[in-house]
Amino acid sequence: MSALSLPERPGPEPLTRGPIPHGQLDQTAPTHLQEELWGRMRSLPGVYVAPTHVPYPEARAVHLAPEFGTGPRTRS
């Protein structure tokens, strides 16, 4: 299975808030899985933890160091 051919998700859609910032309010993963994913993201090369601009107390952010980015250099 490729990233572009994901299986259809069973069950109802999760409750969300948004549109910006978008957030999922239910059907969240167990805490131990969230922490495992957080640890893996933090350990990736060029990734660092920094403050988030999302005004929710539960929000956390990882950022990509500029030298690892391959997109446009300016914002439009």
PDB file of N, CA and C in Angstrom:
ATOM      1  N   MET A   1       0.854  -1.179   0.000  1.00  0.00           N
ATOM      2  CA  MET A   1       0.000   0.000   0.000  1.00  0.00           C
ATOM      3  C   MET A   1       0.898   1.239   0.000  1.00  0.00           C
ATOM      4  N   SER A   2       0.637   2.163  -0.877  1.00  0.00           N
ATOM      5  CA  SER A   2       1.408   3.401  -0.917  1.00  0.00           C
ATOM      6  C   SER A   2       0.692   4.472  -0.102  1.00  0.00           C
ATOM      7  N   ALA A   3       1.384   5.567   0.168  1.00  0.00           N
ATOM      8  CA  ALA A   3       0.787   6.670   0.921  1.00  0.00           C
ATOM      9  C   ALA A   3      -0.386   7.292   0.175  1.00  0.00           C
ATOM     10  N   LEU A   4      -0.450   7.075  -1.125  1.00  0.00           N
ATOM     11  CA  LEU A   4      -1.529   7.658  -1.915  1.00  0.00           C
ATOM     12  C   LEU A   4      -2.725   6.730  -2.058  1.00  0.00           C
ATOM     13  N   SER A   5      -2.632   5.531  -1.530  1.00  0.00           N
ATOM     14  CA  SER A   5      -3.747   4.590  -1.635  1.00  0.00           C
ATOM     15  C   SER A   5      -4.092   4.033  -0.257  1.00  0.00           C
ATOM     16  N   LEU A   6      -4.520   4.905   0.625  1.00  0.00           N
ATOM     17  CA  LEU A   6      -4.893   4.492   1.968  1.00  0.00           C
ATOM     18  C   LEU A   6      -6.246   3.793   1.943  1.00  0.00           C
ATOM     19  N   PRO A   7      -6.445   2.827   2.837  1.00  0.00           N
ATOM     20  CA  PRO A   7      -7.752   2.175   2.886  1.00  0.00           C
ATOM     21  C   PRO A   7      -8.800   3.143   3.428  1.00  0.00           C
ATOM     22  N   GLU A   8     -10.051   2.892   3.099  1.00  0.00           N
ATOM     23  CA  GLU A   8     -11.134   3.733   3.600  1.00  0.00           C
ATOM     24  C   GLU A   8     -11.226   3.582   5.108  1.00  0.00           C
ATOM     25  N   ARG A   9     -11.399   4.681   5.792  1.00  0.00           N
ATOM     26  CA  ARG A   9     -11.475   4.686   7.253  1.00  0.00           C
ATOM     27  C   ARG A   9     -12.868   4.241   7.689  1.00  0.00           C
ATOM     28  N   PRO A  10     -12.955   3.233   8.567  1.00  0.00           N
ATOM     29  CA  PRO A  10     -14.272   2.798   9.040  1.00  0.00           C
ATOM     30  C   PRO A  10     -14.795   3.723  10.141  1.00  0.00           C
ATOM     31  N   GLY A  11     -16.093   3.717  10.335  1.00  0.00           N
ATOM     32  CA  GLY A  11     -16.698   4.448  11.437  1.00  0.00           C
ATOM     33  C   GLY A  11     -16.986   5.902  11.132  1.00  0.00           C
ATOM     34  N   PRO A  12     -17.546   6.585  12.133  1.00  0.00           N
ATOM     35  CA  PRO A  12     -17.920   7.988  11.938  1.00  0.00           C
ATOM     36  C   PRO A  12     -16.691   8.897  11.905  1.00  0.00           C
ATOM     37  N   GLU A  13     -16.863  10.065  11.297  1.00  0.00           N
ATOM     38  CA  GLU A  13     -15.786  11.054  11.280  1.00  0.00           C
ATOM     39  C   GLU A  13     -15.583  11.598  12.692  1.00  0.00           C
ATOM     40  N   PRO A  14     -14.350  11.956  13.043  1.00  0.00           N
ATOM     41  CA  PRO A  14     -14.121  12.538  14.366  1.00  0.00           C
ATOM     42  C   PRO A  14     -14.697  13.947  14.457  1.00  0.00           C
ATOM     43  N   LEU A  15     -15.006  14.359  15.665  1.00  0.00           N
ATOM     44  CA  LEU A  15     -15.466  15.719  15.929  1.00  0.00           C
ATOM     45  C   LEU A  15     -14.250  16.641  15.856  1.00  0.00           C
ATOM     46  N   THR A  16     -14.380  17.753  15.146  1.00  0.00           N
ATOM     47  CA  THR A  16     -13.254  18.674  14.985  1.00  0.00           C
ATOM     48  C   THR A  16     -13.667  20.104  15.274  1.00  0.00           C
ATOM     49  N   ARG A  17     -12.665  20.947  15.492  1.00  0.00           N
ATOM     50  CA  ARG A  17     -12.875  22.388  15.609  1.00  0.00           C
ATOM     51  C   ARG A  17     -12.051  23.034  14.506  1.00  0.00           C
ATOM     52  N   GLY A  18     -12.405  24.220  14.164  1.00  0.00           N
ATOM     53  CA  GLY A  18     -11.627  24.877  13.126  1.00  0.00           C
ATOM     54  C   GLY A  18     -12.477  25.873  12.390  1.00  0.00           C
ATOM     55  N   PRO A  19     -12.079  26.364  11.288  1.00  0.00           N
ATOM     56  CA  PRO A  19     -11.135  25.754  10.361  1.00  0.00           C
ATOM     57  C   PRO A  19      -9.671  26.014  10.700  1.00  0.00           C
ATOM     58  N   ILE A  20      -9.332  27.199  11.239  1.00  0.00           N
ATOM     59  CA  ILE A  20      -7.930  27.465  11.538  1.00  0.00           C
ATOM     60  C   ILE A  20      -7.829  27.987  12.957  1.00  0.00           C
ATOM     61  N   PRO A  21      -7.110  27.379  13.840  1.00  0.00           N
ATOM     62  CA  PRO A  21      -6.410  26.122  13.613  1.00  0.00           C
ATOM     63  C   PRO A  21      -7.377  24.956  13.701  1.00  0.00           C
ATOM     64  N   HIS A  22      -7.158  23.981  12.881  1.00  0.00           N
ATOM     65  CA  HIS A  22      -7.993  22.788  12.857  1.00  0.00           C
ATOM     66  C   HIS A  22      -7.550  21.879  13.992  1.00  0.00           C
ATOM     67  N   GLY A  23      -8.491  21.261  14.658  1.00  0.00           N
ATOM     68  CA  GLY A  23      -8.149  20.347  15.738  1.00  0.00           C
ATOM     69  C   GLY A  23      -9.154  19.228  15.840  1.00  0.00           C
ATOM     70  N   GLN A  24      -8.675  18.062  16.193  1.00  0.00           N
ATOM     71  CA  GLN A  24      -9.543  16.900  16.384  1.00  0.00           C
ATOM     72  C   GLN A  24      -9.883  16.807  17.860  1.00  0.00           C
ATOM     73  N   LEU A  25     -11.172  16.677  18.191  1.00  0.00           N
ATOM     74  CA  LEU A  25     -11.643  16.731  19.566  1.00  0.00           C
ATOM     75  C   LEU A  25     -11.934  15.374  20.186  1.00  0.00           C
ATOM     76  N   ASP A  26     -12.135  14.364  19.373  1.00  0.00           N
ATOM     77  CA  ASP A  26     -12.397  13.034  19.920  1.00  0.00           C
ATOM     78  C   ASP A  26     -11.675  11.999  19.061  1.00  0.00           C
ATOM     79  N   GLN A  27     -11.823  10.749  19.404  1.00  0.00           N
ATOM     80  CA  GLN A  27     -11.182   9.639  18.701  1.00  0.00           C
ATOM     81  C   GLN A  27      -9.659   9.811  18.666  1.00  0.00           C
ATOM     82  N   THR A  28      -9.101  10.266  19.769  1.00  0.00           N
ATOM     83  CA  THR A  28      -7.657  10.463  19.841  1.00  0.00           C
ATOM     84  C   THR A  28      -6.952   9.170  20.238  1.00  0.00           C
ATOM     85  N   ALA A  29      -5.713   9.076  19.864  1.00  0.00           N
ATOM     86  CA  ALA A  29      -4.911   7.895  20.181  1.00  0.00           C
ATOM     87  C   ALA A  29      -4.622   7.852  21.681  1.00  0.00           C
ATOM     88  N   PRO A  30      -4.384   6.653  22.230  1.00  0.00           N
ATOM     89  CA  PRO A  30      -4.003   6.551  23.642  1.00  0.00           C
ATOM     90  C   PRO A  30      -2.728   7.370  23.907  1.00  0.00           C
ATOM     91  N   THR A  31      -2.613   7.885  25.117  1.00  0.00           N
ATOM     92  CA  THR A  31      -1.489   8.750  25.479  1.00  0.00           C
ATOM     93  C   THR A  31      -0.143   8.112  25.180  1.00  0.00           C
ATOM     94  N   HIS A  32       0.025   6.826  25.454  1.00  0.00           N
ATOM     95  CA  HIS A  32       1.337   6.202  25.228  1.00  0.00           C
ATOM     96  C   HIS A  32       1.709   6.199  23.746  1.00  0.00           C
ATOM     97  N   LEU A  33       0.726   6.078  22.869  1.00  0.00           N
ATOM     98  CA  LEU A  33       1.019   6.139  21.432  1.00  0.00           C
ATOM     99  C   LEU A  33       1.333   7.573  20.997  1.00  0.00           C
ATOM    100  N   GLN A  34       0.624   8.538  21.563  1.00  0.00           N
ATOM    101  CA  GLN A  34       0.922   9.939  21.258  1.00  0.00           C
ATOM    102  C   GLN A  34       2.349  10.284  21.667  1.00  0.00           C
ATOM    103  N   GLU A  35       2.763   9.823  22.841  1.00  0.00           N
ATOM    104  CA  GLU A  35       4.115  10.109  23.325  1.00  0.00           C
ATOM    105  C   GLU A  35       5.172   9.387  22.494  1.00  0.00           C
ATOM    106  N   GLU A  36       4.877   8.185  22.051  1.00  0.00           N
ATOM    107  CA  GLU A  36       5.805   7.456  21.179  1.00  0.00           C
ATOM    108  C   GLU A  36       6.000   8.216  19.869  1.00  0.00           C
ATOM    109  N   LEU A  37       4.916   8.669  19.279  1.00  0.00           N
ATOM    110  CA  LEU A  37       5.008   9.440  18.039  1.00  0.00           C
ATOM    111  C   LEU A  37       5.763  10.746  18.272  1.00  0.00           C
ATOM    112  N   TRP A  38       5.467  11.434  19.373  1.00  0.00           N
ATOM    113  CA  TRP A  38       6.151  12.684  19.702  1.00  0.00           C
ATOM    114  C   TRP A  38       7.666  12.455  19.807  1.00  0.00           C
ATOM    115  N   GLY A  39       8.057  11.403  20.488  1.00  0.00           N
ATOM    116  CA  GLY A  39       9.476  11.089  20.621  1.00  0.00           C
ATOM    117  C   GLY A  39      10.134  10.794  19.288  1.00  0.00           C
ATOM    118  N   ARG A  40       9.445  10.073  18.438  1.00  0.00           N
ATOM    119  CA  ARG A  40       9.997   9.761  17.114  1.00  0.00           C
ATOM    120  C   ARG A  40      10.138  11.020  16.265  1.00  0.00           C
ATOM    121  N   MET A  41       9.132  11.893  16.322  1.00  0.00           N
ATOM    122  CA  MET A  41       9.221  13.140  15.546  1.00  0.00           C
ATOM    123  C   MET A  41      10.390  13.990  16.027  1.00  0.00           C
ATOM    124  N   ARG A  42      10.556  14.104  17.344  1.00  0.00           N
ATOM    125  CA  ARG A  42      11.632  14.927  17.909  1.00  0.00           C
ATOM    126  C   ARG A  42      13.012  14.397  17.558  1.00  0.00           C
ATOM    127  N   SER A  43      13.119  13.103  17.307  1.00  0.00           N
ATOM    128  CA  SER A  43      14.430  12.509  17.042  1.00  0.00           C
ATOM    129  C   SER A  43      14.838  12.573  15.569  1.00  0.00           C
ATOM    130  N   LEU A  44      13.969  13.051  14.702  1.00  0.00           N
ATOM    131  CA  LEU A  44      14.303  13.136  13.280  1.00  0.00           C
ATOM    132  C   LEU A  44      15.340  14.228  13.028  1.00  0.00           C
ATOM    133  N   PRO A  45      16.257  13.994  12.093  1.00  0.00           N
ATOM    134  CA  PRO A  45      17.259  15.013  11.772  1.00  0.00           C
ATOM    135  C   PRO A  45      16.596  16.307  11.295  1.00  0.00           C
ATOM    136  N   GLY A  46      17.068  17.424  11.813  1.00  0.00           N
ATOM    137  CA  GLY A  46      16.558  18.719  11.384  1.00  0.00           C
ATOM    138  C   GLY A  46      15.266  19.139  12.042  1.00  0.00           C
ATOM    139  N   VAL A  47      14.740  18.320  12.941  1.00  0.00           N
ATOM    140  CA  VAL A  47      13.480  18.635  13.618  1.00  0.00           C
ATOM    141  C   VAL A  47      13.793  19.110  15.032  1.00  0.00           C
ATOM    142  N   TYR A  48      13.140  20.188  15.443  1.00  0.00           N
ATOM    143  CA  TYR A  48      13.338  20.683  16.805  1.00  0.00           C
ATOM    144  C   TYR A  48      12.000  21.123  17.393  1.00  0.00           C
ATOM    145  N   VAL A  49      11.925  21.117  18.710  1.00  0.00           N
ATOM    146  CA  VAL A  49      10.722  21.535  19.428  1.00  0.00           C
ATOM    147  C   VAL A  49      10.825  23.035  19.685  1.00  0.00           C
ATOM    148  N   ALA A  50       9.755  23.746  19.430  1.00  0.00           N
ATOM    149  CA  ALA A  50       9.692  25.188  19.671  1.00  0.00           C
ATOM    150  C   ALA A  50       8.247  25.554  19.979  1.00  0.00           C
ATOM    151  N   PRO A  51       8.025  26.759  20.480  1.00  0.00           N
ATOM    152  CA  PRO A  51       6.651  27.159  20.796  1.00  0.00           C
ATOM    153  C   PRO A  51       5.732  27.066  19.582  1.00  0.00           C
ATOM    154  N   THR A  52       4.485  26.778  19.874  1.00  0.00           N
ATOM    155  CA  THR A  52       3.472  26.730  18.832  1.00  0.00           C
ATOM    156  C   THR A  52       2.732  28.063  18.789  1.00  0.00           C
ATOM    157  N   HIS A  53       2.148  28.361  17.670  1.00  0.00           N
ATOM    158  CA  HIS A  53       1.350  29.575  17.538  1.00  0.00           C
ATOM    159  C   HIS A  53      -0.140  29.263  17.679  1.00  0.00           C
ATOM    160  N   VAL A  54      -0.447  28.030  18.046  1.00  0.00           N
ATOM    161  CA  VAL A  54      -1.831  27.592  18.221  1.00  0.00           C
ATOM    162  C   VAL A  54      -2.248  27.895  19.658  1.00  0.00           C
ATOM    163  N   PRO A  55      -3.360  28.571  19.861  1.00  0.00           N
ATOM    164  CA  PRO A  55      -3.747  29.013  21.201  1.00  0.00           C
ATOM    165  C   PRO A  55      -4.485  27.964  22.032  1.00  0.00           C
ATOM    166  N   TYR A  56      -4.027  26.736  22.008  1.00  0.00           N
ATOM    167  CA  TYR A  56      -4.654  25.695  22.816  1.00  0.00           C
ATOM    168  C   TYR A  56      -3.606  25.124  23.751  1.00  0.00           C
ATOM    169  N   PRO A  57      -3.937  24.958  25.025  1.00  0.00           N
ATOM    170  CA  PRO A  57      -2.932  24.511  25.996  1.00  0.00           C
ATOM    171  C   PRO A  57      -2.361  23.125  25.697  1.00  0.00           C
ATOM    172  N   GLU A  58      -3.104  22.283  25.007  1.00  0.00           N
ATOM    173  CA  GLU A  58      -2.625  20.928  24.716  1.00  0.00           C
ATOM    174  C   GLU A  58      -1.746  20.870  23.468  1.00  0.00           C
ATOM    175  N   ALA A  59      -1.604  21.990  22.771  1.00  0.00           N
ATOM    176  CA  ALA A  59      -0.859  22.010  21.505  1.00  0.00           C
ATOM    177  C   ALA A  59       0.647  21.956  21.751  1.00  0.00           C
ATOM    178  N   ARG A  60       1.330  21.178  20.915  1.00  0.00           N
ATOM    179  CA  ARG A  60       2.791  21.101  20.922  1.00  0.00           C
ATOM    180  C   ARG A  60       3.246  21.260  19.482  1.00  0.00           C
ATOM    181  N   ALA A  61       4.477  21.682  19.297  1.00  0.00           N
ATOM    182  CA  ALA A  61       4.939  21.916  17.931  1.00  0.00           C
ATOM    183  C   ALA A  61       6.354  21.404  17.723  1.00  0.00           C
ATOM    184  N   VAL A  62       6.546  20.788  16.577  1.00  0.00           N
ATOM    185  CA  VAL A  62       7.884  20.490  16.085  1.00  0.00           C
ATOM    186  C   VAL A  62       8.061  21.328  14.826  1.00  0.00           C
ATOM    187  N   HIS A  63       9.282  21.767  14.607  1.00  0.00           N
ATOM    188  CA  HIS A  63       9.594  22.621  13.465  1.00  0.00           C
ATOM    189  C   HIS A  63      10.726  21.986  12.680  1.00  0.00           C
ATOM    190  N   LEU A  64      10.793  22.306  11.414  1.00  0.00           N
ATOM    191  CA  LEU A  64      11.860  21.822  10.550  1.00  0.00           C
ATOM    192  C   LEU A  64      12.884  22.931  10.372  1.00  0.00           C
ATOM    193  N   ALA A  65      14.147  22.612  10.637  1.00  0.00           N
ATOM    194  CA  ALA A  65      15.218  23.593  10.461  1.00  0.00           C
ATOM    195  C   ALA A  65      15.226  24.073   9.011  1.00  0.00           C
ATOM    196  N   PRO A  66      15.435  25.366   8.790  1.00  0.00           N
ATOM    197  CA  PRO A  66      15.373  25.923   7.434  1.00  0.00           C
ATOM    198  C   PRO A  66      16.259  25.203   6.423  1.00  0.00           C
ATOM    199  N   GLU A  67      17.420  24.761   6.840  1.00  0.00           N
ATOM    200  CA  GLU A  67      18.324  24.101   5.888  1.00  0.00           C
ATOM    201  C   GLU A  67      17.801  22.750   5.399  1.00  0.00           C
ATOM    202  N   PHE A  68      16.771  22.222   6.045  1.00  0.00           N
ATOM    203  CA  PHE A  68      16.178  20.958   5.614  1.00  0.00           C
ATOM    204  C   PHE A  68      14.975  21.174   4.698  1.00  0.00           C
ATOM    205  N   GLY A  69      14.498  22.390   4.601  1.00  0.00           N
ATOM    206  CA  GLY A  69      13.337  22.686   3.766  1.00  0.00           C
ATOM    207  C   GLY A  69      13.689  22.681   2.285  1.00  0.00           C
ATOM    208  N   THR A  70      12.751  22.246   1.470  1.00  0.00           N
ATOM    209  CA  THR A  70      12.974  22.231   0.020  1.00  0.00           C
ATOM    210  C   THR A  70      11.899  23.008  -0.732  1.00  0.00           C
ATOM    211  N   GLY A  71      11.042  23.681  -0.006  1.00  0.00           N
ATOM    212  CA  GLY A  71       9.969  24.433  -0.647  1.00  0.00           C
ATOM    213  C   GLY A  71      10.392  25.845  -0.994  1.00  0.00           C
ATOM    214  N   PRO A  72       9.428  26.681  -1.342  1.00  0.00           N
ATOM    215  CA  PRO A  72       9.728  28.077  -1.687  1.00  0.00           C
ATOM    216  C   PRO A  72      10.410  28.787  -0.521  1.00  0.00           C
ATOM    217  N   ARG A  73      11.286  29.707  -0.818  1.00  0.00           N
ATOM    218  CA  ARG A  73      12.030  30.441   0.208  1.00  0.00           C
ATOM    219  C   ARG A  73      11.275  31.651   0.737  1.00  0.00           C
ATOM    220  N   THR A  74      10.212  32.050   0.070  1.00  0.00           N
ATOM    221  CA  THR A  74       9.438  33.201   0.523  1.00  0.00           C
ATOM    222  C   THR A  74       7.991  32.799   0.713  1.00  0.00           C
ATOM    223  N   ARG A  75       7.319  33.525   1.577  1.00  0.00           N
ATOM    224  CA  ARG A  75       5.884  33.287   1.792  1.00  0.00           C
ATOM    225  C   ARG A  75       5.109  34.113   0.793  1.00  0.00           C
ATOM    226  N   SER A  76       3.999  33.561   0.332  1.00  0.00           N
ATOM    227  CA  SER A  76       3.168  34.335  -0.599  1.00  0.00           C
ATOM    228  C   SER A  76       1.866  34.718   0.042  1.00  0.00           C
TER     229      SER A  76
END
